[in-house]
Protein backbone atom coordinates (compact mmCIF):
# COMPACT_ATOMS: atom_id res chain seq x y z
CA UNK A 1 -53.81 36.04 -76.41
CA UNK A 2 -51.79 32.93 -77.33
CA UNK A 3 -51.62 29.82 -75.21
CA UNK A 4 -48.34 30.81 -73.54
CA UNK A 5 -49.64 34.17 -72.38
CA UNK A 6 -52.84 32.56 -71.14
CA UNK A 7 -50.87 30.06 -69.13
CA UNK A 8 -48.76 32.84 -67.54
CA UNK A 9 -51.91 34.84 -66.72
CA UNK A 10 -53.51 31.83 -65.07
CA UNK A 11 -50.30 31.17 -63.10
CA UNK A 12 -50.38 34.76 -61.81
CA UNK A 13 -54.02 34.36 -60.82
CA UNK A 14 -53.20 31.15 -59.04
CA UNK A 15 -50.30 32.83 -57.17
CA UNK A 16 -52.59 35.73 -56.19
CA UNK A 17 -55.24 33.34 -54.94
CA UNK A 18 -52.58 31.36 -53.09
CA UNK A 19 -51.23 34.52 -51.47
CA UNK A 20 -54.74 35.60 -50.53
CA UNK A 21 -55.43 32.14 -49.11
CA UNK A 22 -52.20 32.21 -47.07
CA UNK A 23 -53.02 35.71 -45.81
CA UNK A 24 -56.51 34.62 -44.81
CA UNK A 25 -55.21 31.53 -43.04
CA UNK A 26 -52.55 33.55 -41.23
CA UNK A 27 -55.16 36.13 -40.17
CA UNK A 28 -57.45 33.39 -38.93
CA UNK A 29 -54.58 31.89 -36.93
CA UNK A 30 -53.84 35.27 -35.39
CA UNK A 31 -57.50 35.81 -34.58
CA UNK A 32 -57.69 32.34 -33.06
CA UNK A 33 -54.59 33.02 -30.95
CA UNK A 34 -56.03 36.29 -29.72
CA UNK A 35 -59.14 34.41 -28.67
CA UNK A 36 -56.85 32.16 -26.68
CA UNK A 37 -55.30 35.31 -25.17
CA UNK A 38 -58.74 36.40 -23.98
CA UNK A 39 -59.05 33.15 -22.07
CA UNK A 40 -55.47 33.53 -20.88
CA UNK A 41 -56.41 36.86 -19.29
CA UNK A 42 -57.70 34.82 -16.38
CA UNK A 43 -54.07 33.98 -15.66
CA UNK A 44 -53.43 37.56 -14.45
CA UNK A 45 -51.68 39.07 -17.53
CA UNK A 46 -50.63 42.68 -17.15
CA UNK A 47 -52.32 45.32 -19.29
CA UNK A 48 -48.98 46.38 -20.78
CA UNK A 49 -48.17 42.80 -21.85
CA UNK A 50 -51.60 42.44 -23.42
CA UNK A 51 -51.23 45.69 -25.41
CA UNK A 52 -47.77 44.61 -26.56
CA UNK A 53 -49.17 41.27 -27.72
CA UNK A 54 -51.99 42.96 -29.65
CA UNK A 55 -49.50 45.25 -31.46
CA UNK A 56 -47.22 42.32 -32.37
CA UNK A 57 -50.04 40.16 -33.71
CA UNK A 58 -51.57 43.05 -35.62
CA UNK A 59 -48.19 43.52 -37.25
CA UNK A 60 -48.29 39.88 -38.36
CA UNK A 61 -51.57 40.47 -40.16
CA UNK A 62 -50.58 43.77 -41.83
CA UNK A 63 -46.91 44.80 -41.87
CA UNK A 64 -46.52 48.18 -40.06
CA UNK A 65 -43.52 50.46 -39.80
CA UNK A 66 -44.88 51.25 -36.34
CA UNK A 67 -48.16 50.97 -34.47
CA UNK A 68 -49.64 52.05 -31.13
CA UNK A 69 -52.62 51.50 -28.85
CA UNK A 70 -54.46 54.58 -27.59
CA UNK A 71 -56.82 54.06 -24.62
CA UNK A 72 -59.51 56.36 -23.21
CA UNK A 73 -58.61 58.03 -19.89
CA UNK A 74 -61.68 57.44 -17.64
CA UNK A 75 -61.26 60.75 -15.81
CA UNK A 76 -60.49 63.15 -18.70
CA UNK A 77 -61.99 61.09 -21.57
CA UNK A 78 -58.84 61.95 -23.60
CA UNK A 79 -57.07 59.37 -25.79
CA UNK A 80 -53.70 58.54 -24.28
CA UNK A 81 -50.97 56.44 -25.92
CA UNK A 82 -50.70 53.33 -23.76
CA UNK A 83 -48.29 51.19 -25.85
CA UNK A 84 -46.26 51.56 -29.04
CA UNK A 85 -44.47 49.00 -31.23
CA UNK A 86 -41.60 49.25 -31.50
CA UNK A 87 -40.95 51.30 -28.35
CA UNK A 88 -38.91 53.87 -30.30
CA UNK A 89 -41.91 54.73 -32.47
CA UNK A 90 -43.89 56.45 -29.72
CA UNK A 91 -42.85 60.02 -30.46
CA UNK A 92 -43.28 59.80 -34.24
CA UNK A 93 -46.75 58.29 -33.97
CA UNK A 94 -47.74 60.88 -31.35
CA UNK A 95 -46.92 63.68 -33.88
CA UNK A 96 -48.98 61.98 -36.60
CA UNK A 97 -51.97 61.50 -34.24
CA UNK A 98 -51.81 65.16 -33.14
CA UNK A 99 -52.11 66.20 -36.81
CA UNK A 100 -55.05 63.82 -37.34
CA UNK A 101 -56.77 65.27 -34.29
CA UNK A 102 -56.29 68.83 -35.52
CA UNK A 103 -57.83 68.19 -38.96
CA UNK A 104 -60.74 66.15 -37.41
CA UNK A 105 -59.57 62.93 -39.10
CA UNK A 106 -59.26 61.22 -35.73
CA UNK A 107 -62.81 62.29 -34.83
CA UNK A 108 -64.07 60.94 -38.17
CA UNK A 109 -62.43 57.56 -37.50
CA UNK A 110 -64.27 57.37 -34.16
CA UNK A 111 -67.58 57.38 -36.03
CA UNK A 112 -66.77 54.31 -38.16
CA UNK A 113 -66.83 50.63 -37.30
CA UNK A 114 -63.98 49.48 -39.55
CA UNK A 115 -60.53 50.63 -40.59
CA UNK A 116 -60.04 54.20 -41.92
CA UNK A 117 -56.96 55.20 -43.98
CA UNK A 118 -55.18 58.56 -44.13
CA UNK A 119 -51.86 59.71 -45.62
CA UNK A 120 -49.12 60.52 -43.13
CA UNK A 121 -47.51 63.95 -42.88
CA UNK A 122 -45.01 63.09 -45.65
CA UNK A 123 -47.75 61.96 -48.03
CA UNK A 124 -45.80 58.77 -48.78
CA UNK A 125 -47.35 56.24 -46.38
CA UNK A 126 -50.82 55.32 -45.26
CA UNK A 127 -51.93 55.41 -41.63
CA UNK A 128 -54.75 53.09 -40.58
CA UNK A 129 -57.01 54.00 -37.66
CA UNK A 130 -59.29 51.36 -36.19
CA UNK A 131 -61.62 52.17 -33.32
CA UNK A 132 -61.56 49.86 -30.28
CA UNK A 133 -65.17 49.80 -29.13
CA UNK A 134 -67.99 47.55 -27.96
CA UNK A 135 -71.70 48.25 -28.36
CA UNK A 136 -71.62 49.70 -24.82
CA UNK A 137 -68.37 51.61 -24.47
CA UNK A 138 -65.46 53.31 -26.25
CA UNK A 139 -62.16 51.73 -25.26
CA UNK A 140 -59.58 53.37 -27.54
CA UNK A 141 -57.98 53.49 -31.00
CA UNK A 142 -55.42 51.36 -32.88
CA UNK A 143 -53.01 53.47 -34.99
CA UNK A 144 -50.63 51.89 -37.55
CA UNK A 145 -48.17 53.39 -40.05
CA UNK A 146 -48.22 50.92 -42.98
CA UNK A 147 -45.39 49.65 -45.23
CA UNK A 148 -47.86 48.86 -48.02
CA UNK A 149 -50.25 51.02 -49.91
CA UNK A 150 -53.75 50.48 -48.57
CA UNK A 151 -54.84 49.13 -51.96
CA UNK A 152 -52.32 46.34 -51.72
CA UNK A 153 -54.01 44.89 -48.64
CA UNK A 154 -56.63 42.27 -49.44
CA UNK A 155 -60.23 43.05 -48.48
CA UNK A 156 -60.41 39.71 -46.73
CA UNK A 157 -57.39 40.66 -44.63
CA UNK A 158 -58.97 43.96 -43.66
CA UNK A 159 -62.22 42.23 -42.65
CA UNK A 160 -60.28 39.78 -40.53
CA UNK A 161 -58.27 42.68 -39.10
CA UNK A 162 -61.58 44.21 -37.91
CA UNK A 163 -62.49 40.88 -36.29
CA UNK A 164 -59.06 40.87 -34.71
CA UNK A 165 -59.65 44.39 -33.30
CA UNK A 166 -63.00 43.31 -31.82
CA UNK A 167 -61.30 40.36 -30.15
CA UNK A 168 -58.63 42.77 -28.88
CA UNK A 169 -61.32 44.94 -27.27
CA UNK A 170 -62.83 41.91 -25.58
CA UNK A 171 -59.41 40.87 -24.34
CA UNK A 172 -58.88 44.37 -22.90
CA UNK A 173 -62.24 44.33 -21.13
CA UNK A 174 -61.59 40.86 -19.81
CA UNK A 175 -58.20 41.97 -18.49
CA UNK A 176 -59.74 45.06 -16.88
CA UNK A 177 -62.52 42.99 -15.29
CA UNK A 178 -60.01 40.61 -13.80
CA UNK A 179 -57.93 43.52 -12.55
CA UNK A 180 -61.01 45.00 -10.88
CA UNK A 181 -61.92 41.64 -9.36
CA UNK A 182 -58.38 41.16 -8.09
CA UNK A 183 -58.35 44.61 -6.51
CA UNK A 184 -61.82 44.12 -5.07
CA UNK A 185 -60.86 40.68 -3.79
CA UNK A 186 -57.71 42.09 -2.21
CA UNK A 187 -59.72 44.87 -0.55
CA UNK A 188 -62.31 42.40 0.71
CA UNK A 189 -59.55 40.16 2.03
CA UNK A 190 -57.95 43.13 3.77
CA UNK A 191 -61.30 44.14 5.29
CA UNK A 192 -62.01 40.56 6.40
CA UNK A 193 -58.58 40.29 8.01
CA UNK A 194 -59.08 43.65 9.73
CA UNK A 195 -62.54 42.69 10.94
CA UNK A 196 -61.27 39.30 12.09
CA UNK A 197 -58.54 41.01 14.13
CA UNK A 198 -61.07 43.46 15.58
CA UNK A 199 -63.43 40.61 16.53
CA UNK A 200 -60.55 38.67 18.06
CA UNK A 201 -59.50 41.75 20.07
CA UNK A 202 -63.09 42.43 21.14
CA UNK A 203 -63.52 38.80 22.15
CA UNK A 204 -60.30 38.92 24.17
CA UNK A 205 -61.38 42.15 25.89
CA UNK A 206 -64.80 40.64 26.59
CA UNK A 207 -63.22 37.53 28.11
CA UNK A 208 -60.90 39.66 30.25
CA UNK A 209 -63.89 41.72 31.42
CA UNK A 210 -66.10 38.71 32.14
CA UNK A 211 -63.34 36.80 33.89
CA UNK A 212 -62.51 39.83 36.06
CA UNK A 213 -66.09 40.65 37.02
CA UNK A 214 -67.20 40.25 40.62
CA UNK A 215 -70.65 39.22 39.38
CA UNK A 216 -71.55 35.81 38.03
CA UNK A 217 -72.53 35.75 34.35
CA UNK A 218 -74.21 32.83 32.58
CA UNK A 219 -75.43 32.62 28.98
CA UNK A 220 -78.35 30.27 28.46
CA UNK A 221 -79.80 29.07 25.15
CA UNK A 222 -83.52 29.83 25.34
CA UNK A 223 -84.46 26.80 23.25
CA UNK A 224 -83.88 24.05 25.82
CA UNK A 225 -82.65 26.34 28.66
CA UNK A 226 -79.13 24.94 28.32
CA UNK A 227 -76.17 26.73 29.94
CA UNK A 228 -73.65 27.44 27.16
CA UNK A 229 -71.23 29.85 28.88
CA UNK A 230 -70.30 30.89 32.42
CA UNK A 231 -67.58 33.12 33.86
CA UNK A 232 -65.32 32.15 36.79
CA UNK A 233 -67.38 34.10 39.36
CA UNK A 234 -70.52 32.19 38.36
CA UNK A 235 -68.65 28.91 38.88
CA UNK A 236 -67.45 30.13 42.28
CA UNK A 237 -70.93 31.18 43.49
CA UNK A 238 -72.57 27.96 42.25
CA UNK A 239 -69.73 25.75 43.51
CA UNK A 240 -69.32 23.92 40.20
CA UNK A 241 -66.67 23.38 37.54
CA UNK A 242 -66.98 24.47 33.92
CA UNK A 243 -67.49 20.87 32.84
CA UNK A 244 -70.22 20.33 35.45
CA UNK A 245 -72.12 23.51 34.59
CA UNK A 246 -72.02 23.73 30.79
CA UNK A 247 -74.83 21.72 29.23
CA UNK A 248 -76.94 21.75 32.41
CA UNK A 249 -80.49 23.08 32.43
CA UNK A 250 -80.64 26.45 34.16
CA UNK A 251 -83.53 25.18 36.30
CA UNK A 252 -81.16 22.62 37.83
CA UNK A 253 -78.69 25.23 39.09
CA UNK A 254 -80.18 28.69 39.53
CA UNK A 255 -83.98 29.05 39.16
CA UNK A 256 -85.64 25.74 39.99
CA UNK A 257 -88.93 27.40 41.03
CA UNK A 258 -89.43 28.97 37.58
CA UNK A 259 -89.54 25.84 35.41
CA UNK A 260 -92.45 26.24 32.99
CA UNK A 261 -92.92 29.92 33.91
CA UNK A 262 -89.68 31.56 32.83
CA UNK A 263 -90.30 35.35 32.89
CA UNK A 264 -88.44 35.83 29.60
CA UNK A 265 -89.31 32.77 27.51
CA UNK A 266 -92.71 31.72 28.90
CA UNK A 267 -94.10 35.09 30.04
CA UNK A 268 -92.58 37.23 27.27
CA UNK A 269 -90.84 39.79 29.49
CA UNK A 270 -87.84 41.71 28.15
CA UNK A 271 -85.94 41.46 31.45
CA UNK A 272 -86.42 40.21 34.98
CA UNK A 273 -84.83 41.20 38.30
CA UNK A 274 -85.15 39.90 41.82
CA UNK A 275 -83.73 38.00 44.75
CA UNK A 276 -83.36 34.22 44.56
CA UNK A 277 -81.77 31.45 46.54
CA UNK A 278 -79.48 28.97 44.76
CA UNK A 279 -78.22 25.71 46.18
CA UNK A 280 -74.54 25.01 45.59
CA UNK A 281 -73.29 21.57 44.67
CA UNK A 282 -72.27 21.04 48.33
CA UNK A 283 -75.85 21.80 49.47
CA UNK A 284 -75.22 25.30 50.86
CA UNK A 285 -78.05 27.77 50.15
CA UNK A 286 -76.77 31.11 48.80
CA UNK A 287 -79.02 34.19 48.41
CA UNK A 288 -78.37 36.09 45.17
CA UNK A 289 -79.57 39.25 43.46
CA UNK A 290 -80.20 38.35 39.82
CA UNK A 291 -80.96 40.25 36.60
CA UNK A 292 -81.92 38.44 33.39
CA UNK A 293 -82.12 39.96 29.91
CA UNK A 294 -82.59 38.61 26.39
CA UNK A 295 -80.02 38.75 23.58
CA UNK A 296 -79.80 37.30 20.05
CA UNK A 297 -76.66 35.23 19.32
CA UNK A 298 -76.22 33.72 15.85
CA UNK A 299 -79.89 34.36 15.17
CA UNK A 300 -81.08 32.44 18.25
CA UNK A 301 -82.57 33.79 21.48
CA UNK A 302 -80.30 33.51 24.52
CA UNK A 303 -80.69 34.66 28.12
CA UNK A 304 -77.92 36.52 29.94
CA UNK A 305 -78.09 36.04 33.71
CA UNK A 306 -76.06 38.36 35.96
CA UNK A 307 -76.04 37.63 39.67
CA UNK A 308 -74.16 38.50 42.83
CA UNK A 309 -73.86 36.73 46.17
CA UNK A 310 -75.77 38.84 48.73
CA UNK A 311 -75.25 36.58 51.74
CA UNK A 312 -73.06 39.17 53.50
CA UNK A 313 -75.48 42.00 52.67
CA UNK A 314 -78.30 39.90 54.11
CA UNK A 315 -76.35 39.34 57.30
CA UNK A 316 -75.59 43.05 57.62
CA UNK A 317 -79.24 43.96 56.95
CA UNK A 318 -80.43 41.47 59.56
CA UNK A 319 -77.87 42.84 62.03
CA UNK A 320 -79.03 46.40 61.33
CA UNK A 321 -82.67 45.40 61.87
CA UNK A 322 -81.76 43.69 65.13
CA UNK A 323 -79.83 46.76 66.35
CA UNK A 324 -82.65 49.09 65.31
CA UNK A 325 -85.25 46.92 67.03
CA UNK A 326 -83.16 46.73 70.22
CA UNK A 327 -82.61 50.49 70.19
CA UNK A 328 -86.32 51.18 69.67
CA UNK A 329 -87.21 48.82 72.49
CA UNK A 330 -84.58 50.25 74.83
CA UNK A 331 -85.65 53.84 74.05
CA UNK A 332 -89.20 53.25 75.20
CA UNK A 333 -88.35 52.89 78.91
CA UNK A 334 -86.51 56.24 79.38
CA UNK A 335 -89.04 57.91 77.08
CA UNK A 336 -91.93 56.73 79.27
CA UNK A 337 -90.12 58.38 82.20
CA UNK A 338 -89.80 61.64 80.25
CA UNK A 339 -93.52 61.55 79.37
CA UNK A 340 -94.56 60.79 82.95
CA UNK A 341 -92.52 63.62 84.55
CA UNK A 342 -94.52 66.55 83.03
CA UNK A 343 -97.75 64.84 84.06
CA UNK A 344 -96.50 64.58 87.67
CA UNK A 345 -95.49 68.23 87.69
CA UNK A 346 -98.86 69.28 86.28
CA UNK A 347 -100.85 67.34 88.91
CA UNK A 348 -98.66 67.21 92.00
CA UNK A 349 -97.15 70.61 92.68
CA UNK A 350 -97.27 72.71 95.88
CA UNK A 351 -96.97 75.93 93.97
CA UNK A 352 -99.32 76.92 91.17
CA UNK A 353 -97.76 76.91 87.70
CA UNK A 354 -97.89 79.89 85.42
CA UNK A 355 -99.70 79.56 82.11
CA UNK A 356 -96.42 79.56 80.15
CA UNK A 357 -94.93 76.88 82.43
CA UNK A 358 -98.03 74.75 82.00
CA UNK A 359 -97.87 75.13 78.19
CA UNK A 360 -94.20 74.09 78.17
CA UNK A 361 -94.90 70.97 80.23
CA UNK A 362 -97.89 70.04 78.05
CA UNK A 363 -95.75 70.56 74.92
CA UNK A 364 -93.05 68.26 76.36
CA UNK A 365 -95.68 65.66 77.16
CA UNK A 366 -97.32 65.83 73.69
CA UNK A 367 -93.93 65.69 71.97
CA UNK A 368 -92.97 62.71 74.10
CA UNK A 369 -96.14 60.88 73.13
CA UNK A 370 -95.50 61.64 69.45
CA UNK A 371 -91.95 60.29 69.73
CA UNK A 372 -93.27 57.20 71.52
CA UNK A 373 -95.83 56.70 68.74
CA UNK A 374 -93.10 57.04 66.14
CA UNK A 375 -91.04 54.36 67.90
CA UNK A 376 -94.09 52.13 68.13
CA UNK A 377 -94.81 52.75 64.44
CA UNK A 378 -91.30 51.79 63.43
CA UNK A 379 -91.66 48.56 65.41
CA UNK A 380 -95.03 48.00 63.75
CA UNK A 381 -93.55 48.58 60.28
CA UNK A 382 -90.93 45.95 61.00
CA UNK A 383 -93.67 43.53 61.98
CA UNK A 384 -95.59 44.39 58.78
CA UNK A 385 -92.47 43.63 56.70
CA UNK A 386 -92.00 40.28 58.41
CA UNK A 387 -95.74 39.42 58.36
CA UNK A 388 -96.07 39.27 62.15
CA UNK A 389 -98.21 42.43 62.66
CA UNK A 390 -101.63 41.86 64.22
CA UNK A 391 -104.24 44.20 62.75
CA UNK A 392 -107.32 45.16 64.79
CA UNK A 393 -109.56 47.43 62.71
CA UNK A 394 -111.96 49.95 64.24
CA UNK A 395 -114.28 52.68 62.99
CA UNK A 396 -112.73 56.14 62.60
CA UNK A 397 -113.61 59.41 60.86
CA UNK A 398 -111.20 59.95 57.97
CA UNK A 399 -111.76 63.74 57.96
CA UNK A 400 -110.93 64.03 61.69
CA UNK A 401 -107.70 62.12 61.09
CA UNK A 402 -106.82 64.34 58.10
CA UNK A 403 -107.58 67.58 60.05
CA UNK A 404 -105.31 66.40 62.88
CA UNK A 405 -102.50 65.82 60.40
CA UNK A 406 -103.09 69.26 58.85
CA UNK A 407 -102.91 70.86 62.29
CA UNK A 408 -99.56 69.21 63.03
CA UNK A 409 -98.23 70.51 59.68
CA UNK A 410 -99.70 74.00 60.09
CA UNK A 411 -96.31 75.72 60.50
CA UNK A 412 -95.03 74.37 57.13
CA UNK A 413 -98.41 74.98 55.46
CA UNK A 414 -98.51 78.61 56.61
CA UNK A 415 -94.88 79.16 55.59
CA UNK A 416 -95.64 78.09 51.99
CA UNK A 417 -98.97 80.01 51.97
CA UNK A 418 -100.88 76.87 51.00
CA UNK A 419 -104.65 76.49 51.31
CA UNK A 420 -106.03 73.06 52.33
CA UNK A 421 -109.36 72.32 50.63
CA UNK A 422 -111.67 69.49 51.80
CA UNK A 423 -114.06 67.90 49.27
CA UNK A 424 -116.58 65.08 49.30
CA UNK A 425 -117.58 63.71 45.90
CA UNK A 426 -116.23 66.85 44.27
CA UNK A 427 -118.07 69.35 46.53
CA UNK A 428 -116.69 71.63 49.26
CA UNK A 429 -117.62 70.61 52.85
CA UNK A 430 -117.64 72.37 56.22
CA UNK A 431 -115.50 71.49 59.25
CA UNK A 432 -118.22 69.37 60.88
CA UNK A 433 -118.51 66.90 57.99
CA UNK A 434 -117.38 63.32 58.71
CA UNK A 435 -117.06 59.98 56.92
CA UNK A 436 -116.24 56.72 58.73
CA UNK A 437 -113.90 53.98 57.53
CA UNK A 438 -112.65 50.71 59.04
CA UNK A 439 -109.00 51.14 59.87
CA UNK A 440 -106.35 51.42 62.54
CA UNK A 441 -106.65 55.08 63.55
CA UNK A 442 -102.98 55.49 64.46
CA UNK A 443 -101.76 53.81 61.25
CA UNK A 444 -104.17 55.91 59.18
CA UNK A 445 -103.00 59.10 60.90
CA UNK A 446 -99.37 58.21 60.19
CA UNK A 447 -100.25 57.36 56.59
CA UNK A 448 -102.23 60.56 55.90
CA UNK A 449 -99.75 62.76 57.78
CA UNK A 450 -96.86 61.35 55.75
CA UNK A 451 -98.63 61.86 52.40
CA UNK A 452 -99.77 65.38 53.34
CA UNK A 453 -96.24 66.34 54.36
CA UNK A 454 -94.92 65.08 51.00
CA UNK A 455 -97.68 67.02 49.19
CA UNK A 456 -96.89 70.27 51.03
CA UNK A 457 -93.16 69.92 50.34
CA UNK A 458 -93.74 69.15 46.64
CA UNK A 459 -96.38 71.80 46.04
CA UNK A 460 -95.39 75.20 44.58
CA UNK A 461 -95.88 78.07 47.05
CA UNK A 462 -99.42 79.45 47.10
CA UNK A 463 -100.99 76.46 45.29
CA UNK A 464 -103.89 74.67 47.07
CA UNK A 465 -103.78 71.07 48.29
CA UNK A 466 -106.99 69.08 47.93
CA UNK A 467 -108.21 66.29 50.23
CA UNK A 468 -111.18 64.58 48.57
CA UNK A 469 -113.16 61.50 49.64
CA UNK A 470 -115.32 59.39 47.33
CA UNK A 471 -117.26 56.28 48.43
CA UNK A 472 -117.06 53.40 45.94
CA UNK A 473 -118.50 49.85 46.25
CA UNK A 474 -117.67 49.20 49.91
CA UNK A 475 -114.49 51.23 49.79
CA UNK A 476 -113.51 54.79 50.56
CA UNK A 477 -111.17 56.42 48.05
CA UNK A 478 -109.21 59.40 49.37
CA UNK A 479 -107.39 61.67 46.90
CA UNK A 480 -104.54 63.91 48.08
CA UNK A 481 -103.72 66.38 45.29
CA UNK A 482 -100.89 68.87 44.86
CA UNK A 483 -99.69 70.76 41.80
CA UNK A 484 -96.14 69.31 41.91
CA UNK A 485 -94.92 66.51 39.65
CA UNK A 486 -93.28 63.20 40.58
CA UNK A 487 -89.96 62.94 38.67
CA UNK A 488 -89.92 60.40 35.83
CA UNK A 489 -86.84 58.75 37.29
CA UNK A 490 -88.70 57.38 40.34
CA UNK A 491 -92.24 56.78 39.06
CA UNK A 492 -91.78 53.06 38.42
CA UNK A 493 -90.23 52.53 41.88
CA UNK A 494 -92.18 55.21 43.76
CA UNK A 495 -93.41 52.87 46.51
CA UNK A 496 -90.19 50.87 46.87
CA UNK A 497 -87.87 51.09 49.86
CA UNK A 498 -85.21 53.85 49.98
CA UNK A 499 -86.46 55.51 46.77
CA UNK A 500 -86.08 59.28 46.85
CA UNK A 501 -85.59 62.05 44.29
CA UNK A 502 -82.61 63.62 46.09
CA UNK A 503 -84.90 65.45 48.53
CA UNK A 504 -82.93 67.12 51.31
CA UNK A 505 -83.25 64.96 54.42
CA UNK A 506 -85.31 62.34 52.56
CA UNK A 507 -84.90 58.68 53.56
CA UNK A 508 -86.97 57.08 50.84
CA UNK A 509 -89.14 55.34 53.44
CA UNK A 510 -92.26 57.56 53.44
CA UNK A 511 -94.13 56.13 50.44
CA UNK A 512 -92.79 52.64 51.21
CA UNK A 513 -94.25 52.73 54.73
CA UNK A 514 -97.50 54.24 53.37
CA UNK A 515 -97.90 51.25 51.04
CA UNK A 516 -97.15 48.83 53.89
CA UNK A 517 -99.79 50.42 56.13
CA UNK A 518 -102.48 50.63 53.44
CA UNK A 519 -102.03 47.00 52.44
CA UNK A 520 -101.99 45.91 56.09
CA UNK A 521 -105.44 47.52 56.47
CA UNK A 522 -106.76 45.72 53.39
CA UNK A 523 -106.57 48.65 51.00
CA UNK A 524 -104.40 49.84 48.17
CA UNK A 525 -102.49 52.97 47.15
CA UNK A 526 -101.54 54.34 43.74
CA UNK A 527 -100.85 57.65 42.00
CA UNK A 528 -101.23 59.70 38.84
CA UNK A 529 -98.78 62.46 37.97
CA UNK A 530 -98.07 64.83 35.09
CA UNK A 531 -96.60 68.29 34.61
CA UNK A 532 -99.96 69.74 33.56
CA UNK A 533 -102.29 68.11 36.11
CA UNK A 534 -99.94 67.76 39.08
CA UNK A 535 -99.94 64.69 41.35
CA UNK A 536 -102.84 62.70 42.84
CA UNK A 537 -102.18 60.05 45.50
CA UNK A 538 -105.15 57.68 45.88
CA UNK A 539 -105.81 55.65 49.05
CA UNK A 540 -108.55 53.02 49.16
CA UNK A 541 -109.74 51.69 52.54
CA UNK A 542 -112.84 49.64 53.54
CA UNK A 543 -115.91 51.68 54.52
CA UNK A 544 -117.44 51.31 57.97
CA UNK A 545 -120.76 49.47 58.28
């Protein structure tokens, strides 16, 4: 080779190296720009624009007659053409890809990391397939119909093209992530707006309800007992304005006697009910019925106090008691006349009375005395309620009292075919057995008679009723047993006034008066009840001696 030929050969080598250098630099620029596109994905680019940009930049690295991006359908896992460049090339490329799929060339390309070349259907041009994948997922396939022969493309360019494809996959994932985040953010925003509207509506309904209630409602922060909310009725009952009430201690306005012994905060109760007296700002004392419960608001314990003004109810109750007392007092005079008339006829009569006439007069007299005793008892119960009853205990036989009550209930007992059994310390006794206690005989008779009547009414037909006495440490414990069961709905309030389980003709005063009489005589009363064992009413009274 002469010097001239050598120089020409070196010039060709230099041009080739220069072209390779320019191609490398251009590829690096394209790769760098795609990296910038990945960052730009945060600016909400559309997927279609991103695919278009990838096709255009790929075409700058390797000239293509046409190219397309195929993405994996998440539902079917099929490869679907998502973008072609130019747009008119979509159909032609789709035919070429179908052929590659049929002869398994497409499947082969999926197994490789870099570019794979195949001849097109004419055999004149090369098609390059490059998988779009990350180590964790398959995203799609780049397909390009080349102008050049594959051997004319520099190896360096192909390596950089693979880097470019990896950056394209990252850009796609970044775009998809941002799309997901945008959708999720939009859904969260929609849910927050919906929830905000619901809370606003609920708050408005709650305010309408509270403001329209005829009961006072106050919300108190347990830590510090500070009033934080009150409805208009509460302000009306307490005689204060919103500004005067909010921020006050509850002890200063509604429960002054409970400072340091709050049933909820200090004593640990879940709720508390009862009657109280509040003093309005103008000094007027107002009786109220109040219920207090606990509630958590913003993670802190609060008390909700509901109360109603019962001044009018108190007046009506007092008026009723006065009327009842007057009626009972006024009934005694004509009743004494009715009782005295049979006695006069029995003693002072010119003509002898027949046995039936005598029995009728004696029955009228006994019934009159019973009615008089009932009137006296109702007056006594009123005195017990008000604390003005004077108790004078005496010695009486508890069995004699019980047998008298049984005799008076004999008609009902016989109708229900009930046997009355008398026990002492668990053993049967005869009719002459006695056991003395210190009591008021009339009160004890009324007490036992009332409990026996309840037992007979509650007992199933044919089941026995047991009256058992057990002495215990200075007390006598009487047990009245029947096989019936006290309903769950009234067990906690069994001895309270007007409590009844819908019994026909029941007033709800029987067990209440029994408790009053037992406690007046220094004893106590309680019960045990279950479906299996029936009901036991226990009465404890002081023993005689």
